[in-house]
Amino acid sequence: MYRTLEYLSGISDDDVRRLRTVGIHHTNQFLHRASLDIDRRRLFKKTGISTDRLIEFAHQCTLLEVSGMERWVPLVRRLGINSMQDLRAQDAGDLHRKLIEAIGLAGAPSLTDVQYWISQATALDIVEEPEPAKPVPIIE
């Protein structure tokens, strides 16, 4: 689903302006242009937005792609689930219980909804994590 960049938590007006300058106008475009580490490094060079912020926004975009989860993304993020890897690692029953504790039974998604979200996490995990920095050999 297409959402404006302003939908991303923590994105500044300046970030939005910089991304739009390079032709990125919505979250789906952003996800396609920032999924790979090399693409985030290129985007950093063009926009000046740090690769750490870019990967954070990319992870938010993937969470927004989970069918039926959009309404609960802010709460899920407050529970410490910030990426598809985090979502995939959840036990559906535990996550469902936490959601009920946070918002009450009447407003919470069903257990089957939560199970469905977790099942989608594997297919939607398209954000490549950065490679760890290679250690610099010490020359004596």
C-alpha atoms as a PDB file:
ATOM      1  CA  MET A   1       0.000   0.000   0.000  1.00  0.00           C
ATOM      2  CA  TYR A   2       1.212   3.486  -0.797  1.00  0.00           C
ATOM      3  CA  ARG A   3       1.606   5.879   2.137  1.00  0.00           C
ATOM      4  CA  THR A   4       3.244   9.272   2.185  1.00  0.00           C
ATOM      5  CA  LEU A   5       6.687   9.479   3.737  1.00  0.00           C
ATOM      6  CA  GLU A   6       5.285  11.555   6.600  1.00  0.00           C
ATOM      7  CA  TYR A   7       3.607   8.370   7.826  1.00  0.00           C
ATOM      8  CA  LEU A   8       6.998   7.073   9.052  1.00  0.00           C
ATOM      9  CA  SER A   9       7.668   7.603  12.726  1.00  0.00           C
ATOM     10  CA  GLY A  10      10.610   9.896  13.396  1.00  0.00           C
ATOM     11  CA  ILE A  11      11.002  11.208   9.868  1.00  0.00           C
ATOM     12  CA  SER A  12      11.616  14.946   9.732  1.00  0.00           C
ATOM     13  CA  ASP A  13      10.312  17.447   7.203  1.00  0.00           C
ATOM     14  CA  ASP A  14      13.907  17.855   6.035  1.00  0.00           C
ATOM     15  CA  ASP A  15      14.248  14.077   5.496  1.00  0.00           C
ATOM     16  CA  VAL A  16      11.014  14.079   3.481  1.00  0.00           C
ATOM     17  CA  ARG A  17      12.224  17.000   1.358  1.00  0.00           C
ATOM     18  CA  ARG A  18      15.576  15.306   0.682  1.00  0.00           C
ATOM     19  CA  LEU A  19      13.928  11.997  -0.279  1.00  0.00           C
ATOM     20  CA  ARG A  20      11.439  13.715  -2.582  1.00  0.00           C
ATOM     21  CA  THR A  21      14.330  15.529  -4.251  1.00  0.00           C
ATOM     22  CA  VAL A  22      15.680  12.128  -5.367  1.00  0.00           C
ATOM     23  CA  GLY A  23      12.257  10.933  -6.542  1.00  0.00           C
ATOM     24  CA  ILE A  24      11.019   9.048  -3.492  1.00  0.00           C
ATOM     25  CA  HIS A  25       7.482  10.156  -2.663  1.00  0.00           C
ATOM     26  CA  HIS A  26       5.909   7.265  -0.737  1.00  0.00           C
ATOM     27  CA  THR A  27       6.822   4.326   1.487  1.00  0.00           C
ATOM     28  CA  ASN A  28       6.652   1.740  -1.280  1.00  0.00           C
ATOM     29  CA  GLN A  29       9.159   3.667  -3.397  1.00  0.00           C
ATOM     30  CA  PHE A  30      11.352   4.124  -0.350  1.00  0.00           C
ATOM     31  CA  LEU A  31      11.309   0.410   0.427  1.00  0.00           C
ATOM     32  CA  HIS A  32      12.358  -0.453  -3.120  1.00  0.00           C
ATOM     33  CA  ARG A  33      15.160   2.112  -3.045  1.00  0.00           C
ATOM     34  CA  ALA A  34      16.480   1.299   0.448  1.00  0.00           C
ATOM     35  CA  SER A  35      16.161  -2.478   0.896  1.00  0.00           C
ATOM     36  CA  LEU A  36      19.792  -3.266   0.117  1.00  0.00           C
ATOM     37  CA  ASP A  37      22.765  -1.990   2.082  1.00  0.00           C
ATOM     38  CA  ILE A  38      24.480  -0.721  -1.074  1.00  0.00           C
ATOM     39  CA  ASP A  39      21.344   1.199  -2.041  1.00  0.00           C
ATOM     40  CA  ARG A  40      21.145   2.821   1.405  1.00  0.00           C
ATOM     41  CA  ARG A  41      24.776   3.904   1.095  1.00  0.00           C
ATOM     42  CA  ARG A  42      24.008   5.448  -2.302  1.00  0.00           C
ATOM     43  CA  LEU A  43      20.918   7.134  -0.874  1.00  0.00           C
ATOM     44  CA  PHE A  44      23.014   8.497   1.996  1.00  0.00           C
ATOM     45  CA  LYS A  45      25.415  10.072  -0.513  1.00  0.00           C
ATOM     46  CA  LYS A  46      22.518  11.687  -2.383  1.00  0.00           C
ATOM     47  CA  THR A  47      20.453  12.834   0.598  1.00  0.00           C
ATOM     48  CA  GLY A  48      22.794  13.077   3.578  1.00  0.00           C
ATOM     49  CA  ILE A  49      20.386  10.958   5.647  1.00  0.00           C
ATOM     50  CA  SER A  50      22.423   8.483   7.696  1.00  0.00           C
ATOM     51  CA  THR A  51      22.305   4.821   6.741  1.00  0.00           C
ATOM     52  CA  ASP A  52      21.146   4.037  10.296  1.00  0.00           C
ATOM     53  CA  ARG A  53      18.071   6.241   9.828  1.00  0.00           C
ATOM     54  CA  LEU A  54      17.489   4.844   6.343  1.00  0.00           C
ATOM     55  CA  ILE A  55      17.476   1.246   7.587  1.00  0.00           C
ATOM     56  CA  GLU A  56      15.141   2.204  10.439  1.00  0.00           C
ATOM     57  CA  PHE A  57      12.723   3.734   7.927  1.00  0.00           C
ATOM     58  CA  ALA A  58      13.058   0.674   5.650  1.00  0.00           C
ATOM     59  CA  HIS A  59      12.116  -1.612   8.546  1.00  0.00           C
ATOM     60  CA  GLN A  60       9.084   0.570   9.283  1.00  0.00           C
ATOM     61  CA  CYS A  61       8.057   0.320   5.630  1.00  0.00           C
ATOM     62  CA  THR A  62       8.174  -3.477   5.752  1.00  0.00           C
ATOM     63  CA  LEU A  63       6.000  -3.524   8.878  1.00  0.00           C
ATOM     64  CA  LEU A  64       3.489  -1.340   7.034  1.00  0.00           C
ATOM     65  CA  GLU A  65       3.375  -3.943   4.261  1.00  0.00           C
ATOM     66  CA  VAL A  66       2.093  -6.680   6.602  1.00  0.00           C
ATOM     67  CA  SER A  67      -1.538  -7.217   5.665  1.00  0.00           C
ATOM     68  CA  GLY A  68      -3.905  -6.092   8.416  1.00  0.00           C
ATOM     69  CA  MET A  69      -1.191  -4.759  10.709  1.00  0.00           C
ATOM     70  CA  GLU A  70      -1.066  -1.086   9.712  1.00  0.00           C
ATOM     71  CA  ARG A  71      -3.373   0.064  12.501  1.00  0.00           C
ATOM     72  CA  TRP A  72      -1.189  -1.581  15.152  1.00  0.00           C
ATOM     73  CA  VAL A  73       2.303  -0.759  13.844  1.00  0.00           C
ATOM     74  CA  PRO A  74       2.935   2.065  16.363  1.00  0.00           C
ATOM     75  CA  LEU A  75       1.956  -0.197  19.278  1.00  0.00           C
ATOM     76  CA  VAL A  76       3.906  -3.169  17.932  1.00  0.00           C
ATOM     77  CA  ARG A  77       6.971  -0.936  17.653  1.00  0.00           C
ATOM     78  CA  ARG A  78       6.512   0.198  21.264  1.00  0.00           C
ATOM     79  CA  LEU A  79       6.574  -3.491  22.200  1.00  0.00           C
ATOM     80  CA  GLY A  80      10.057  -3.727  20.672  1.00  0.00           C
ATOM     81  CA  ILE A  81       9.158  -5.208  17.290  1.00  0.00           C
ATOM     82  CA  ASN A  82      10.942  -3.024  14.763  1.00  0.00           C
ATOM     83  CA  SER A  83      11.690  -5.368  11.856  1.00  0.00           C
ATOM     84  CA  MET A  84      10.519  -8.496  10.115  1.00  0.00           C
ATOM     85  CA  GLN A  85      13.180 -10.459  12.022  1.00  0.00           C
ATOM     86  CA  ASP A  86      11.696  -9.221  15.295  1.00  0.00           C
ATOM     87  CA  LEU A  87       8.177 -10.106  14.157  1.00  0.00           C
ATOM     88  CA  ARG A  88       9.194 -13.551  12.914  1.00  0.00           C
ATOM     89  CA  ALA A  89      10.785 -14.314  16.306  1.00  0.00           C
ATOM     90  CA  GLN A  90       7.519 -13.698  18.175  1.00  0.00           C
ATOM     91  CA  ASP A  91       5.274 -16.319  19.662  1.00  0.00           C
ATOM     92  CA  ALA A  92       1.777 -15.449  18.420  1.00  0.00           C
ATOM     93  CA  GLY A  93       0.126 -16.177  21.768  1.00  0.00           C
ATOM     94  CA  ASP A  94       2.579 -14.023  23.708  1.00  0.00           C
ATOM     95  CA  LEU A  95       2.322 -11.127  21.270  1.00  0.00           C
ATOM     96  CA  HIS A  96      -1.467 -11.357  21.290  1.00  0.00           C
ATOM     97  CA  ARG A  97      -1.467 -11.245  25.108  1.00  0.00           C
ATOM     98  CA  LYS A  98       0.798  -8.175  25.117  1.00  0.00           C
ATOM     99  CA  LEU A  99      -1.475  -6.408  22.642  1.00  0.00           C
ATOM    100  CA  ILE A 100      -4.529  -7.177  24.789  1.00  0.00           C
ATOM    101  CA  GLU A 101      -2.724  -5.872  27.887  1.00  0.00           C
ATOM    102  CA  ALA A 102      -1.855  -2.664  26.055  1.00  0.00           C
ATOM    103  CA  ILE A 103      -5.211  -1.866  24.427  1.00  0.00           C
ATOM    104  CA  GLY A 104      -7.822  -4.132  25.945  1.00  0.00           C
ATOM    105  CA  LEU A 105      -9.676  -7.089  24.533  1.00  0.00           C
ATOM    106  CA  ALA A 106     -12.294  -5.086  22.653  1.00  0.00           C
ATOM    107  CA  GLY A 107      -9.788  -3.191  20.515  1.00  0.00           C
ATOM    108  CA  ALA A 108      -7.122  -5.851  20.057  1.00  0.00           C
ATOM    109  CA  PRO A 109      -6.533  -7.860  16.898  1.00  0.00           C
ATOM    110  CA  SER A 110      -7.524 -11.513  17.048  1.00  0.00           C
ATOM    111  CA  LEU A 111      -5.035 -14.293  17.699  1.00  0.00           C
ATOM    112  CA  THR A 112      -5.465 -15.465  14.097  1.00  0.00           C
ATOM    113  CA  ASP A 113      -4.593 -11.932  12.888  1.00  0.00           C
ATOM    114  CA  VAL A 114      -1.376 -12.018  14.907  1.00  0.00           C
ATOM    115  CA  GLN A 115      -0.557 -15.505  13.608  1.00  0.00           C
ATOM    116  CA  TYR A 116      -1.109 -14.228  10.069  1.00  0.00           C
ATOM    117  CA  TRP A 117       1.208 -11.267  10.641  1.00  0.00           C
ATOM    118  CA  ILE A 118       3.962 -13.574  11.839  1.00  0.00           C
ATOM    119  CA  SER A 119       3.445 -15.895   8.866  1.00  0.00           C
ATOM    120  CA  GLN A 120       3.964 -12.935   6.510  1.00  0.00           C
ATOM    121  CA  ALA A 121       7.214 -11.922   8.200  1.00  0.00           C
ATOM    122  CA  THR A 122       9.319 -14.411   6.232  1.00  0.00           C
ATOM    123  CA  ALA A 123       8.016 -13.385   2.816  1.00  0.00           C
ATOM    124  CA  LEU A 124       8.295  -9.662   3.551  1.00  0.00           C
ATOM    125  CA  ASP A 125      11.785  -9.752   5.073  1.00  0.00           C
ATOM    126  CA  ILE A 126      13.507  -7.984   2.194  1.00  0.00           C
ATOM    127  CA  VAL A 127      15.653  -5.459   4.065  1.00  0.00           C
ATOM    128  CA  GLU A 128      19.290  -6.486   3.935  1.00  0.00           C
ATOM    129  CA  GLU A 129      21.169  -5.852   7.156  1.00  0.00           C
ATOM    130  CA  PRO A 130      24.485  -4.001   6.805  1.00  0.00           C
ATOM    131  CA  GLU A 131      27.591  -6.125   6.759  1.00  0.00           C
ATOM    132  CA  PRO A 132      29.630  -5.870   9.940  1.00  0.00           C
ATOM    133  CA  ALA A 133      32.671  -3.639   9.660  1.00  0.00           C
ATOM    134  CA  LYS A 134      35.794  -5.567   8.782  1.00  0.00           C
ATOM    135  CA  PRO A 135      38.474  -5.315  11.452  1.00  0.00           C
ATOM    136  CA  VAL A 136      41.515  -3.304  10.429  1.00  0.00           C
ATOM    137  CA  PRO A 137      44.677  -5.396  10.817  1.00  0.00           C
ATOM    138  CA  ILE A 138      47.268  -4.006  13.198  1.00  0.00           C
ATOM    139  CA  ILE A 139      50.648  -3.552  11.572  1.00  0.00           C
ATOM    140  CA  GLU A 140      53.556  -3.750  13.924  1.00  0.00           C
END
